[in-house]
Amino acid sequence: MIWLWIGFLVFVGVMLALDLGVFHKKASVVSTKEALVWTFFCVVLALLFNAAIYPMYEYHWLGVGLAEGAEPNGREAALKFFTGYIVEQSLSLDNVFIIAVIFNYFCVPAIYQHRALFWGILGAIVMRGAMILAGSALIHRFEWMIYVFGVLLILTAVKMLVVQTENLEPEKNPLVRLARKLFRVTPCFVEDHFFVRLDGKWAVTPLLIVVLVIESTDVLFAVDSIPAIFAVTRDPFIVFTSNIFAILSLRSLYFAVAGMMTKFRYLKSSLVFVLAFVGVKMLLSHYYPIPTIVSLSVIIGTLLVGVLASMYAAGKKSVPPTE
């Protein structure tokens, strides 16, 4: 099993190396077409991996599925990976809103946004891995933690209803305050650099501040998304891989849909319902386990309703009134 973990981490490393070291070696503005192609590529890879999950667990490749807490067979494992991936991918759409607010707040030039997102996502992968391991250990040792996670998701859903992302104030972020106390910060961006020499002394640029904000906000989102995936499965490998595949496409997803997010006015309401549903699922897990296929149908159906309602509202608004 350890070799499968190592192999997956190598795959992630190759993907990140291709992204920054090959396709975006020089700073450039990411076009919508390029972002859509990369997003499609990441989704296809996730689906191919999903297909490979079945024989991995069905025939126990490299000892997969034999550990305590692992899914019992290939069908359940593949279905739960897909459900978890859909949950994580849908919740990552809210990250897109926040990232857009952060970039607008700091007036990050489009040509430097890819670099900031890349390093933000790299840090997110490390932190998600640590949080997943901690969450898995907590649930394994303290069974009642599943109820804590369920309540947390429901409270998060309520918070999403009442908190406006437009009112986000990155300057009040503790990491930003700490960075400004410890380092000199240049008054403006210096190309795509994080550190520069200013008057003979090292200083950080606003681009590093932006990365710190992205990193810290992802921790807050992980507090929502990781309990959500534990409601689907407690298998650490499926939890981690579904999370990482969603994160890998987050950068391209931002450039593909950031400009269109305001058109999907009811999508956030759908995400609120998904979080609340998953929270309830966790609370009922020991008394009335909701089948995975039912959960998947509810999640996809809810997101579809939000998208269709948004498209209908946008179309109705664009039609000029008749006299």
Protein backbone atom coordinates (compact mmCIF):
# COMPACT_ATOMS: atom_id res chain seq x y z
CA MET A 1 0.00 0.00 0.00
CA ILE A 2 2.88 2.37 0.76
CA TRP A 3 4.05 2.08 -2.86
CA LEU A 4 0.66 3.20 -4.09
CA TRP A 5 0.85 6.29 -1.88
CA ILE A 6 4.35 7.01 -3.12
CA GLY A 7 3.26 6.51 -6.74
CA PHE A 8 0.35 8.92 -6.33
CA LEU A 9 2.56 11.57 -4.72
CA VAL A 10 5.04 11.20 -7.60
CA PHE A 11 2.15 11.67 -10.04
CA VAL A 12 1.12 14.88 -8.23
CA GLY A 13 4.71 16.11 -8.35
CA VAL A 14 4.90 15.46 -12.11
CA MET A 15 1.63 17.34 -12.67
CA LEU A 16 2.89 20.36 -10.72
CA ALA A 17 6.26 20.26 -12.48
CA LEU A 18 4.55 20.22 -15.89
CA ASP A 19 2.31 23.10 -14.87
CA LEU A 20 5.01 25.47 -13.64
CA GLY A 21 8.18 24.12 -15.23
CA VAL A 22 6.93 23.42 -18.76
CA PHE A 23 3.64 25.10 -19.62
CA HIS A 24 4.12 28.23 -17.51
CA LYS A 25 7.88 28.62 -17.26
CA LYS A 26 7.49 32.34 -17.95
CA ALA A 27 4.87 34.61 -16.45
CA SER A 28 1.91 34.96 -18.79
CA VAL A 29 -1.81 35.67 -18.76
CA VAL A 30 -3.81 32.42 -18.71
CA SER A 31 -6.48 32.53 -21.39
CA THR A 32 -9.96 31.10 -20.86
CA LYS A 33 -9.36 28.54 -23.63
CA GLU A 34 -6.13 27.32 -22.05
CA ALA A 35 -7.79 27.13 -18.64
CA LEU A 36 -10.72 25.12 -20.01
CA VAL A 37 -8.36 22.67 -21.73
CA TRP A 38 -6.34 22.14 -18.53
CA THR A 39 -9.51 21.78 -16.46
CA PHE A 40 -10.85 19.18 -18.91
CA PHE A 41 -7.51 17.34 -18.77
CA CYS A 42 -7.59 17.24 -14.95
CA VAL A 43 -11.19 16.00 -14.92
CA VAL A 44 -10.36 13.23 -17.43
CA LEU A 45 -7.39 12.16 -15.29
CA ALA A 46 -9.66 12.04 -12.22
CA LEU A 47 -12.20 9.88 -14.07
CA LEU A 48 -9.46 7.53 -15.33
CA PHE A 49 -8.17 7.21 -11.79
CA ASN A 50 -11.75 6.58 -10.67
CA ALA A 51 -11.96 3.71 -13.16
CA ALA A 52 -8.67 2.29 -11.84
CA ILE A 53 -10.01 2.39 -8.27
CA TYR A 54 -12.34 -0.54 -9.03
CA PRO A 55 -9.68 -3.17 -9.83
CA MET A 56 -7.36 -1.74 -7.14
CA TYR A 57 -9.89 -2.53 -4.40
CA GLU A 58 -11.58 -5.48 -6.05
CA TYR A 59 -8.34 -7.42 -6.54
CA HIS A 60 -6.32 -5.73 -3.76
CA TRP A 61 -3.47 -4.44 -5.88
CA LEU A 62 -0.44 -3.79 -3.67
CA GLY A 63 -2.56 -4.56 -0.64
CA VAL A 64 -5.19 -1.91 -1.36
CA GLY A 65 -8.44 -2.40 0.54
CA LEU A 66 -6.98 -4.73 3.16
CA ALA A 67 -6.25 -2.11 5.81
CA GLU A 68 -8.71 -1.30 8.59
CA GLY A 69 -11.23 1.34 7.50
CA ALA A 70 -10.74 0.65 3.79
CA GLU A 71 -13.67 0.15 1.45
CA PRO A 72 -14.68 -3.54 1.19
CA ASN A 73 -14.87 -3.90 -2.60
CA GLY A 74 -14.17 -2.20 -5.91
CA ARG A 75 -17.72 -1.02 -6.56
CA GLU A 76 -18.07 0.78 -3.23
CA ALA A 77 -14.59 2.27 -3.49
CA ALA A 78 -15.13 3.60 -7.03
CA LEU A 79 -18.56 5.00 -6.19
CA LYS A 80 -17.32 6.72 -3.04
CA PHE A 81 -14.30 8.19 -4.82
CA PHE A 82 -16.60 9.67 -7.45
CA THR A 83 -19.01 11.03 -4.84
CA GLY A 84 -16.15 12.50 -2.83
CA TYR A 85 -14.62 14.06 -5.93
CA ILE A 86 -17.95 15.68 -6.87
CA VAL A 87 -18.34 17.05 -3.32
CA GLU A 88 -14.80 18.45 -3.23
CA GLN A 89 -15.01 19.86 -6.75
CA SER A 90 -18.30 21.59 -6.01
CA LEU A 91 -17.01 23.06 -2.76
CA SER A 92 -13.91 24.32 -4.57
CA LEU A 93 -16.20 26.60 -6.57
CA ASP A 94 -16.57 28.70 -3.43
CA ASN A 95 -12.77 28.93 -3.34
CA VAL A 96 -13.00 30.56 -6.77
CA PHE A 97 -15.17 33.34 -5.32
CA ILE A 98 -12.66 33.98 -2.53
CA ILE A 99 -9.62 33.88 -4.80
CA ALA A 100 -11.27 36.43 -7.09
CA VAL A 101 -11.92 38.70 -4.10
CA ILE A 102 -8.28 38.34 -2.94
CA PHE A 103 -6.86 39.15 -6.38
CA ASN A 104 -9.17 42.14 -6.78
CA TYR A 105 -8.38 43.43 -3.28
CA PHE A 106 -4.62 43.34 -3.84
CA CYS A 107 -4.96 44.42 -7.51
CA VAL A 108 -2.83 41.46 -8.65
CA PRO A 109 -1.94 41.86 -12.35
CA ALA A 110 -3.34 39.02 -14.48
CA ILE A 111 0.15 38.07 -15.62
CA TYR A 112 1.21 37.18 -12.05
CA GLN A 113 -1.97 35.44 -10.88
CA HIS A 114 -0.92 31.98 -12.10
CA ARG A 115 2.29 32.02 -10.06
CA ALA A 116 0.44 33.08 -6.89
CA LEU A 117 -2.16 30.35 -7.38
CA PHE A 118 0.42 27.68 -8.13
CA TRP A 119 2.31 28.18 -4.88
CA GLY A 120 -0.93 28.64 -2.98
CA ILE A 121 -2.18 25.29 -4.27
CA LEU A 122 1.14 23.57 -3.57
CA GLY A 123 0.88 24.64 0.06
CA ALA A 124 -2.78 23.57 0.10
CA ILE A 125 -1.82 20.03 -0.94
CA VAL A 126 0.63 19.73 1.96
CA MET A 127 -1.85 21.14 4.49
CA ARG A 128 -4.74 19.02 3.21
CA GLY A 129 -2.62 15.89 3.56
CA ALA A 130 -1.75 16.74 7.16
CA MET A 131 -5.37 17.61 8.03
CA ILE A 132 -6.70 14.41 6.42
CA LEU A 133 -4.26 12.28 8.41
CA ALA A 134 -5.23 14.11 11.61
CA GLY A 135 -8.96 13.84 10.87
CA SER A 136 -8.69 10.14 10.05
CA ALA A 137 -6.80 9.48 13.28
CA LEU A 138 -9.35 11.44 15.32
CA ILE A 139 -12.35 9.58 13.85
CA HIS A 140 -10.57 6.23 14.28
CA ARG A 141 -9.76 6.93 17.92
CA PHE A 142 -12.81 8.97 18.91
CA GLU A 143 -15.92 7.72 17.11
CA TRP A 144 -17.97 10.67 18.40
CA MET A 145 -15.84 13.05 16.29
CA ILE A 146 -18.07 12.20 13.33
CA TYR A 147 -20.88 14.12 15.09
CA VAL A 148 -18.57 17.09 15.71
CA PHE A 149 -17.75 17.17 11.99
CA GLY A 150 -21.45 16.93 11.14
CA VAL A 151 -22.36 19.89 13.34
CA LEU A 152 -19.40 21.82 11.94
CA LEU A 153 -20.68 21.36 8.38
CA ILE A 154 -24.18 22.50 9.29
CA LEU A 155 -22.78 25.60 11.04
CA THR A 156 -20.63 26.28 7.97
CA ALA A 157 -23.70 26.08 5.76
CA VAL A 158 -25.45 28.66 7.97
CA LYS A 159 -22.35 30.87 7.86
CA MET A 160 -22.28 30.72 4.05
CA LEU A 161 -25.86 31.98 4.01
CA VAL A 162 -25.17 35.06 6.10
CA VAL A 163 -21.53 35.97 5.32
CA GLN A 164 -20.86 38.00 2.19
CA THR A 165 -17.54 37.17 0.46
CA GLU A 166 -17.43 40.72 -0.90
CA ASN A 167 -16.78 41.94 2.66
CA LEU A 168 -13.60 39.89 3.01
CA GLU A 169 -10.76 41.99 4.45
CA PRO A 170 -7.43 40.25 3.70
CA GLU A 171 -5.42 42.92 5.52
CA LYS A 172 -6.91 41.65 8.81
CA ASN A 173 -5.60 38.15 8.11
CA PRO A 174 -3.20 37.14 10.97
CA LEU A 175 -0.58 35.86 8.51
CA VAL A 176 -0.62 39.16 6.63
CA ARG A 177 -0.18 41.10 9.87
CA LEU A 178 2.66 38.81 10.97
CA ALA A 179 4.42 39.10 7.60
CA ARG A 180 4.22 42.90 7.70
CA LYS A 181 5.70 42.91 11.22
CA LEU A 182 8.55 40.55 10.39
CA PHE A 183 9.50 41.79 6.92
CA ARG A 184 9.66 44.96 4.90
CA VAL A 185 7.05 44.89 2.16
CA THR A 186 7.67 46.58 -1.17
CA PRO A 187 5.08 49.23 -2.12
CA CYS A 188 4.27 47.46 -5.41
CA PHE A 189 4.70 44.17 -7.29
CA VAL A 190 8.20 43.41 -8.58
CA GLU A 191 7.46 41.23 -11.60
CA ASP A 192 6.64 37.72 -10.29
CA HIS A 193 9.15 37.75 -7.42
CA PHE A 194 8.33 36.98 -3.79
CA PHE A 195 11.56 38.37 -2.32
CA VAL A 196 13.72 41.26 -3.54
CA ARG A 197 16.59 43.42 -2.32
CA LEU A 198 15.40 46.88 -1.28
CA ASP A 199 18.02 49.43 -0.25
CA GLY A 200 20.47 46.60 0.36
CA LYS A 201 18.06 44.62 2.56
CA TRP A 202 15.70 41.77 1.80
CA ALA A 203 12.01 42.61 1.48
CA VAL A 204 8.89 40.67 0.51
CA THR A 205 6.58 41.72 -2.29
CA PRO A 206 2.78 41.96 -2.19
CA LEU A 207 2.69 38.74 -4.27
CA LEU A 208 3.95 36.77 -1.28
CA ILE A 209 1.30 38.40 0.89
CA VAL A 210 -1.31 37.23 -1.63
CA VAL A 211 0.02 33.65 -1.44
CA LEU A 212 -0.16 33.76 2.38
CA VAL A 213 -3.79 34.87 2.22
CA ILE A 214 -4.66 32.11 -0.28
CA GLU A 215 -2.94 29.54 1.95
CA SER A 216 -4.73 30.65 5.11
CA THR A 217 -8.16 30.82 3.47
CA ASP A 218 -7.64 27.31 2.09
CA VAL A 219 -7.15 26.10 5.66
CA LEU A 220 -10.59 27.49 6.48
CA PHE A 221 -12.07 25.78 3.42
CA ALA A 222 -10.36 22.53 4.37
CA VAL A 223 -12.20 22.68 7.69
CA ASP A 224 -15.38 22.47 5.59
CA SER A 225 -14.36 20.11 2.80
CA ILE A 226 -12.44 17.49 4.76
CA PRO A 227 -15.32 16.70 7.16
CA ALA A 228 -17.56 16.59 4.06
CA ILE A 229 -15.49 13.86 2.43
CA PHE A 230 -15.36 11.90 5.71
CA ALA A 231 -19.15 11.78 5.50
CA VAL A 232 -18.74 9.85 2.25
CA THR A 233 -15.91 7.51 3.25
CA ARG A 234 -13.33 7.07 5.99
CA ASP A 235 -10.83 5.38 3.71
CA PRO A 236 -7.74 7.68 3.94
CA PHE A 237 -6.54 6.87 0.42
CA ILE A 238 -9.88 7.76 -1.20
CA VAL A 239 -10.26 10.85 1.00
CA PHE A 240 -6.78 12.11 0.06
CA THR A 241 -6.87 11.31 -3.66
CA SER A 242 -10.34 12.79 -4.24
CA ASN A 243 -9.24 15.97 -2.42
CA ILE A 244 -6.02 16.28 -4.41
CA PHE A 245 -7.68 15.76 -7.79
CA ALA A 246 -10.12 18.56 -6.93
CA ILE A 247 -7.24 20.84 -5.87
CA LEU A 248 -5.21 20.09 -9.03
CA SER A 249 -7.95 21.56 -11.20
CA LEU A 250 -8.64 24.54 -8.91
CA ARG A 251 -6.08 26.84 -10.56
CA SER A 252 -7.37 26.26 -14.08
CA LEU A 253 -10.96 26.30 -12.81
CA TYR A 254 -10.41 29.79 -11.46
CA PHE A 255 -9.18 31.14 -14.80
CA ALA A 256 -11.95 29.28 -16.64
CA VAL A 257 -14.96 30.38 -14.63
CA ALA A 258 -13.97 33.32 -12.37
CA GLY A 259 -15.44 35.82 -14.80
CA MET A 260 -18.68 33.84 -15.09
CA MET A 261 -19.31 33.12 -11.41
CA THR A 262 -21.51 36.19 -10.94
CA LYS A 263 -23.89 34.75 -13.54
CA PHE A 264 -24.56 31.68 -11.37
CA ARG A 265 -26.42 33.51 -8.62
CA TYR A 266 -28.06 30.40 -7.15
CA LEU A 267 -24.95 28.20 -7.15
CA LYS A 268 -23.94 29.32 -3.67
CA SER A 269 -27.39 28.33 -2.37
CA SER A 270 -26.82 24.88 -3.86
CA LEU A 271 -23.47 24.61 -2.09
CA VAL A 272 -25.13 25.60 1.20
CA PHE A 273 -27.67 22.80 0.77
CA VAL A 274 -24.93 20.29 -0.12
CA LEU A 275 -22.96 21.14 3.04
CA ALA A 276 -26.09 20.93 5.21
CA PHE A 277 -27.09 17.60 3.63
CA VAL A 278 -23.63 16.12 4.17
CA GLY A 279 -23.66 17.37 7.77
CA VAL A 280 -27.01 15.66 8.41
CA LYS A 281 -25.66 12.51 6.72
CA MET A 282 -22.80 12.44 9.23
CA LEU A 283 -25.14 12.92 12.20
CA LEU A 284 -27.32 10.04 11.00
CA SER A 285 -24.43 7.75 10.04
CA HIS A 286 -24.83 5.42 13.06
CA TYR A 287 -28.63 5.38 13.06
CA TYR A 288 -29.70 5.60 9.42
CA PRO A 289 -26.77 5.37 6.97
CA ILE A 290 -27.74 7.11 3.73
CA PRO A 291 -26.61 4.95 0.76
CA THR A 292 -23.80 6.42 -1.31
CA ILE A 293 -25.84 6.32 -4.51
CA VAL A 294 -28.59 8.36 -2.82
CA SER A 295 -26.04 10.90 -1.58
CA LEU A 296 -24.51 11.18 -5.03
CA SER A 297 -27.94 11.71 -6.63
CA VAL A 298 -28.87 14.41 -4.10
CA ILE A 299 -25.55 16.26 -4.51
CA ILE A 300 -25.53 16.21 -8.32
CA GLY A 301 -29.24 17.05 -8.46
CA THR A 302 -28.81 20.00 -6.09
CA LEU A 303 -25.90 21.44 -8.07
CA LEU A 304 -27.78 20.96 -11.33
CA VAL A 305 -30.83 22.78 -9.96
CA GLY A 306 -28.61 25.68 -8.87
CA VAL A 307 -26.98 25.96 -12.29
CA LEU A 308 -30.26 25.68 -14.23
CA ALA A 309 -32.02 28.20 -11.95
CA SER A 310 -29.11 30.62 -12.41
CA MET A 311 -29.20 30.22 -16.20
CA TYR A 312 -32.97 30.73 -16.24
CA ALA A 313 -32.72 33.86 -14.07
CA ALA A 314 -29.90 35.26 -16.24
CA GLY A 315 -31.85 34.58 -19.43
CA LYS A 316 -34.99 36.17 -18.04
CA LYS A 317 -33.06 39.25 -16.96
CA SER A 318 -31.46 39.67 -20.40
CA VAL A 319 -34.81 39.68 -22.21
CA PRO A 320 -36.01 43.27 -22.64
CA PRO A 321 -39.51 43.97 -21.31
CA THR A 322 -42.25 44.16 -23.93
CA GLU A 323 -44.45 47.20 -24.14
